[in-house]
């Protein structure tokens, strides 16, 4: 995702229906990539990022409109998962 930038559109805190576990989802927008264009998608796209348990509920409205950079680590079964993030003003 080199060169791909994400701008925060918003976030939502909620409880999962099955077990009432608290979750946070951050929604960010980015420009479509060349691969997206090959699949017929152009312009911008929105992506939802589920935050790890230790970051659930930590977002504030101050993050909306800012650029977010995600940090990743390996999760279950060797899959990448969000382990942290930083915000900076969108330019």
N, C-alpha and C. Protein backbone atom coordinates (compact mmCIF):
# COMPACT_ATOMS: atom_id res chain seq x y z
N UNK A 1 0.82 -1.19 0.00
CA UNK A 1 0.00 0.00 0.00
C UNK A 1 0.87 1.25 0.00
N UNK A 2 2.01 1.14 -0.65
CA UNK A 2 2.93 2.26 -0.71
C UNK A 2 2.29 3.42 -1.46
N UNK A 3 2.28 4.60 -0.86
CA UNK A 3 1.70 5.77 -1.47
C UNK A 3 0.20 5.90 -1.29
N UNK A 4 -0.45 4.90 -0.76
CA UNK A 4 -1.88 4.93 -0.54
C UNK A 4 -2.17 5.68 0.76
N UNK A 5 -3.02 6.71 0.67
CA UNK A 5 -3.33 7.53 1.84
C UNK A 5 -4.79 7.32 2.21
N UNK A 6 -5.05 7.32 3.53
CA UNK A 6 -6.40 7.15 4.04
C UNK A 6 -6.81 8.38 4.85
N UNK A 7 -8.02 8.89 4.59
CA UNK A 7 -8.57 10.00 5.36
C UNK A 7 -9.78 9.48 6.13
N UNK A 8 -9.82 9.78 7.42
CA UNK A 8 -10.89 9.27 8.29
C UNK A 8 -12.22 9.95 7.95
N UNK A 9 -13.21 9.11 7.63
CA UNK A 9 -14.57 9.60 7.41
C UNK A 9 -15.37 9.59 8.71
N UNK A 10 -15.10 8.59 9.54
CA UNK A 10 -15.81 8.46 10.80
C UNK A 10 -15.49 7.15 11.47
N UNK A 11 -16.16 6.89 12.57
CA UNK A 11 -15.98 5.63 13.29
C UNK A 11 -17.27 5.31 14.02
N UNK A 12 -17.38 4.05 14.42
CA UNK A 12 -18.55 3.65 15.20
C UNK A 12 -18.15 2.64 16.26
N UNK A 13 -18.68 2.84 17.44
CA UNK A 13 -18.52 1.91 18.55
C UNK A 13 -19.85 1.17 18.70
N UNK A 14 -19.78 -0.13 18.86
CA UNK A 14 -21.00 -0.92 19.02
C UNK A 14 -20.66 -2.23 19.70
N UNK A 15 -21.68 -2.98 20.06
CA UNK A 15 -21.51 -4.29 20.66
C UNK A 15 -21.95 -5.35 19.67
N UNK A 16 -21.13 -6.39 19.53
CA UNK A 16 -21.47 -7.50 18.65
C UNK A 16 -22.74 -8.17 19.17
N UNK A 17 -23.64 -8.52 18.28
CA UNK A 17 -24.93 -9.09 18.68
C UNK A 17 -24.78 -10.43 19.40
N UNK A 18 -23.88 -11.29 18.90
CA UNK A 18 -23.79 -12.65 19.42
C UNK A 18 -23.32 -12.73 20.87
N UNK A 19 -22.33 -11.91 21.24
CA UNK A 19 -21.79 -12.03 22.60
C UNK A 19 -21.63 -10.68 23.31
N UNK A 20 -22.15 -9.62 22.73
CA UNK A 20 -22.12 -8.27 23.31
C UNK A 20 -20.70 -7.71 23.48
N UNK A 21 -19.74 -8.29 22.78
CA UNK A 21 -18.35 -7.81 22.86
C UNK A 21 -18.28 -6.42 22.22
N UNK A 22 -17.64 -5.42 22.87
CA UNK A 22 -17.51 -4.09 22.28
C UNK A 22 -16.52 -4.10 21.11
N UNK A 23 -16.89 -3.38 20.06
CA UNK A 23 -16.06 -3.28 18.86
C UNK A 23 -16.01 -1.83 18.40
N UNK A 24 -14.94 -1.48 17.69
CA UNK A 24 -14.82 -0.17 17.05
C UNK A 24 -14.39 -0.39 15.61
N UNK A 25 -15.09 0.28 14.69
CA UNK A 25 -14.76 0.23 13.28
C UNK A 25 -14.46 1.65 12.82
N UNK A 26 -13.29 1.84 12.21
CA UNK A 26 -12.90 3.12 11.65
C UNK A 26 -13.14 3.05 10.14
N UNK A 27 -13.83 4.04 9.59
CA UNK A 27 -14.09 4.09 8.15
C UNK A 27 -13.24 5.20 7.55
N UNK A 28 -12.46 4.82 6.53
CA UNK A 28 -11.56 5.77 5.88
C UNK A 28 -11.76 5.72 4.37
N UNK A 29 -11.44 6.82 3.72
CA UNK A 29 -11.55 6.91 2.26
C UNK A 29 -10.16 6.99 1.67
N UNK A 30 -10.00 6.39 0.49
CA UNK A 30 -8.74 6.45 -0.24
C UNK A 30 -9.04 6.48 -1.73
N UNK A 31 -8.04 6.86 -2.52
CA UNK A 31 -8.22 6.84 -3.96
C UNK A 31 -8.14 5.41 -4.47
N UNK A 32 -8.89 5.13 -5.50
CA UNK A 32 -8.82 3.82 -6.13
C UNK A 32 -7.44 3.64 -6.76
N UNK A 33 -6.92 2.44 -6.67
CA UNK A 33 -5.61 2.13 -7.23
C UNK A 33 -5.75 1.66 -8.68
N UNK A 34 -4.62 1.45 -9.33
CA UNK A 34 -4.64 0.94 -10.70
C UNK A 34 -5.34 -0.43 -10.76
N UNK A 35 -5.14 -1.26 -9.72
CA UNK A 35 -5.83 -2.57 -9.68
C UNK A 35 -7.33 -2.38 -9.58
N UNK A 36 -7.77 -1.40 -8.77
CA UNK A 36 -9.20 -1.11 -8.68
C UNK A 36 -9.73 -0.68 -10.04
N UNK A 37 -8.96 0.14 -10.75
CA UNK A 37 -9.37 0.61 -12.08
C UNK A 37 -9.55 -0.55 -13.04
N UNK A 38 -8.65 -1.54 -12.95
CA UNK A 38 -8.75 -2.72 -13.82
C UNK A 38 -10.05 -3.48 -13.56
N UNK A 39 -10.55 -3.39 -12.33
CA UNK A 39 -11.79 -4.08 -11.96
C UNK A 39 -13.03 -3.20 -12.18
N UNK A 40 -12.82 -2.00 -12.76
CA UNK A 40 -13.94 -1.13 -13.07
C UNK A 40 -14.30 -0.12 -12.00
N UNK A 41 -13.47 0.03 -10.97
CA UNK A 41 -13.72 1.01 -9.91
C UNK A 41 -12.83 2.23 -10.10
N UNK A 42 -13.44 3.42 -10.07
CA UNK A 42 -12.70 4.66 -10.28
C UNK A 42 -13.11 5.67 -9.23
N UNK A 43 -12.22 6.62 -8.94
CA UNK A 43 -12.51 7.66 -7.97
C UNK A 43 -12.00 7.29 -6.59
N UNK A 44 -12.89 7.31 -5.59
CA UNK A 44 -12.52 7.00 -4.21
C UNK A 44 -13.28 5.79 -3.72
N UNK A 45 -12.74 5.15 -2.69
CA UNK A 45 -13.44 4.02 -2.08
C UNK A 45 -13.34 4.14 -0.56
N UNK A 46 -14.36 3.65 0.11
CA UNK A 46 -14.38 3.63 1.58
C UNK A 46 -14.00 2.24 2.06
N UNK A 47 -13.20 2.19 3.13
CA UNK A 47 -12.75 0.93 3.71
C UNK A 47 -13.00 0.95 5.21
N UNK A 48 -13.52 -0.15 5.75
CA UNK A 48 -13.72 -0.29 7.19
C UNK A 48 -12.56 -1.05 7.80
N UNK A 49 -12.01 -0.54 8.90
CA UNK A 49 -10.93 -1.18 9.62
C UNK A 49 -11.42 -1.50 11.03
N UNK A 50 -11.45 -2.78 11.41
CA UNK A 50 -11.81 -3.18 12.77
C UNK A 50 -10.57 -2.99 13.65
N UNK A 51 -10.75 -2.28 14.76
CA UNK A 51 -9.63 -2.03 15.66
C UNK A 51 -9.45 -3.21 16.62
N UNK A 52 -8.21 -3.47 17.03
CA UNK A 52 -7.96 -4.56 17.98
C UNK A 52 -8.57 -4.23 19.35
N UNK A 53 -8.76 -5.26 20.15
CA UNK A 53 -9.43 -5.13 21.45
C UNK A 53 -8.84 -4.01 22.32
N UNK A 54 -7.51 -3.88 22.33
CA UNK A 54 -6.90 -2.88 23.21
C UNK A 54 -7.09 -1.44 22.71
N UNK A 55 -7.59 -1.25 21.49
CA UNK A 55 -7.83 0.09 20.96
C UNK A 55 -9.32 0.42 20.81
N UNK A 56 -10.18 -0.51 21.18
CA UNK A 56 -11.63 -0.29 21.09
C UNK A 56 -12.02 0.86 22.01
N UNK A 57 -12.79 1.80 21.46
CA UNK A 57 -13.28 2.92 22.26
C UNK A 57 -12.29 4.05 22.47
N UNK A 58 -11.15 4.03 21.79
CA UNK A 58 -10.12 5.05 22.03
C UNK A 58 -10.22 6.24 21.08
N UNK A 59 -11.03 6.15 20.04
CA UNK A 59 -11.13 7.23 19.06
C UNK A 59 -12.00 8.37 19.58
N UNK A 60 -11.68 9.58 19.12
CA UNK A 60 -12.50 10.76 19.43
C UNK A 60 -12.86 11.44 18.12
N UNK A 61 -13.79 12.37 18.17
CA UNK A 61 -14.21 13.07 16.95
C UNK A 61 -13.09 13.92 16.36
N UNK A 62 -12.04 14.18 17.12
CA UNK A 62 -10.89 14.95 16.60
C UNK A 62 -10.19 14.24 15.44
N UNK A 63 -10.33 12.93 15.33
CA UNK A 63 -9.64 12.18 14.27
C UNK A 63 -10.34 12.30 12.92
N UNK A 64 -11.60 12.72 12.91
CA UNK A 64 -12.36 12.79 11.66
C UNK A 64 -11.76 13.86 10.76
N UNK A 65 -11.52 13.48 9.50
CA UNK A 65 -10.93 14.38 8.51
C UNK A 65 -9.42 14.32 8.47
N UNK A 66 -8.79 13.64 9.40
CA UNK A 66 -7.33 13.55 9.43
C UNK A 66 -6.84 12.36 8.61
N UNK A 67 -5.57 12.40 8.26
CA UNK A 67 -4.94 11.26 7.60
C UNK A 67 -4.57 10.24 8.67
N UNK A 68 -4.86 8.98 8.40
CA UNK A 68 -4.53 7.92 9.34
C UNK A 68 -3.51 6.99 8.68
N UNK A 69 -2.50 6.62 9.45
CA UNK A 69 -1.50 5.64 9.02
C UNK A 69 -1.60 4.45 9.97
N UNK A 70 -1.77 3.28 9.41
CA UNK A 70 -1.97 2.08 10.22
C UNK A 70 -0.66 1.33 10.42
N UNK A 71 -0.55 0.71 11.60
CA UNK A 71 0.56 -0.20 11.90
C UNK A 71 -0.05 -1.59 11.93
N UNK A 72 0.67 -2.55 11.38
CA UNK A 72 0.16 -3.92 11.29
C UNK A 72 1.08 -4.89 12.01
N UNK A 73 0.48 -5.97 12.49
CA UNK A 73 1.23 -7.09 13.05
C UNK A 73 0.56 -8.36 12.54
N UNK A 74 1.20 -9.48 12.78
CA UNK A 74 0.61 -10.75 12.36
C UNK A 74 -0.35 -11.25 13.42
N UNK A 75 -1.54 -11.58 13.00
CA UNK A 75 -2.56 -12.08 13.91
C UNK A 75 -2.71 -13.59 13.77
N UNK A 76 -3.90 -14.05 14.10
CA UNK A 76 -4.19 -15.48 14.00
C UNK A 76 -3.99 -16.00 12.59
N UNK A 77 -3.43 -17.17 12.47
CA UNK A 77 -3.18 -17.84 11.20
C UNK A 77 -2.27 -17.04 10.28
N UNK A 78 -1.43 -16.16 10.85
CA UNK A 78 -0.46 -15.40 10.07
C UNK A 78 -1.05 -14.28 9.24
N UNK A 79 -2.28 -13.89 9.53
CA UNK A 79 -2.92 -12.81 8.78
C UNK A 79 -2.57 -11.47 9.40
N UNK A 80 -2.34 -10.45 8.56
CA UNK A 80 -2.05 -9.11 9.10
C UNK A 80 -3.29 -8.51 9.77
N UNK A 81 -3.07 -7.82 10.88
CA UNK A 81 -4.17 -7.12 11.54
C UNK A 81 -3.66 -5.79 12.06
N UNK A 82 -4.56 -4.83 12.18
CA UNK A 82 -4.21 -3.50 12.67
C UNK A 82 -3.75 -3.62 14.13
N UNK A 83 -2.58 -3.07 14.43
CA UNK A 83 -2.09 -3.11 15.81
C UNK A 83 -1.95 -1.70 16.40
N UNK A 84 -2.06 -0.70 15.55
CA UNK A 84 -1.97 0.68 16.02
C UNK A 84 -2.19 1.63 14.85
N UNK A 85 -2.19 2.91 15.15
CA UNK A 85 -2.40 3.92 14.13
C UNK A 85 -1.92 5.26 14.62
N UNK A 86 -1.65 6.15 13.69
CA UNK A 86 -1.30 7.54 14.02
C UNK A 86 -2.11 8.45 13.11
N UNK A 87 -2.36 9.66 13.61
CA UNK A 87 -3.12 10.64 12.85
C UNK A 87 -2.26 11.86 12.60
N UNK A 88 -2.50 12.51 11.47
CA UNK A 88 -1.87 13.80 11.18
C UNK A 88 -2.83 14.58 10.29
N UNK A 89 -2.72 15.89 10.29
CA UNK A 89 -3.65 16.70 9.47
C UNK A 89 -3.57 16.31 8.00
N UNK A 90 -4.72 16.29 7.34
CA UNK A 90 -4.80 15.97 5.92
C UNK A 90 -4.32 17.16 5.11
N UNK A 91 -3.41 16.92 4.21
CA UNK A 91 -2.89 18.00 3.34
C UNK A 91 -2.99 17.59 1.91
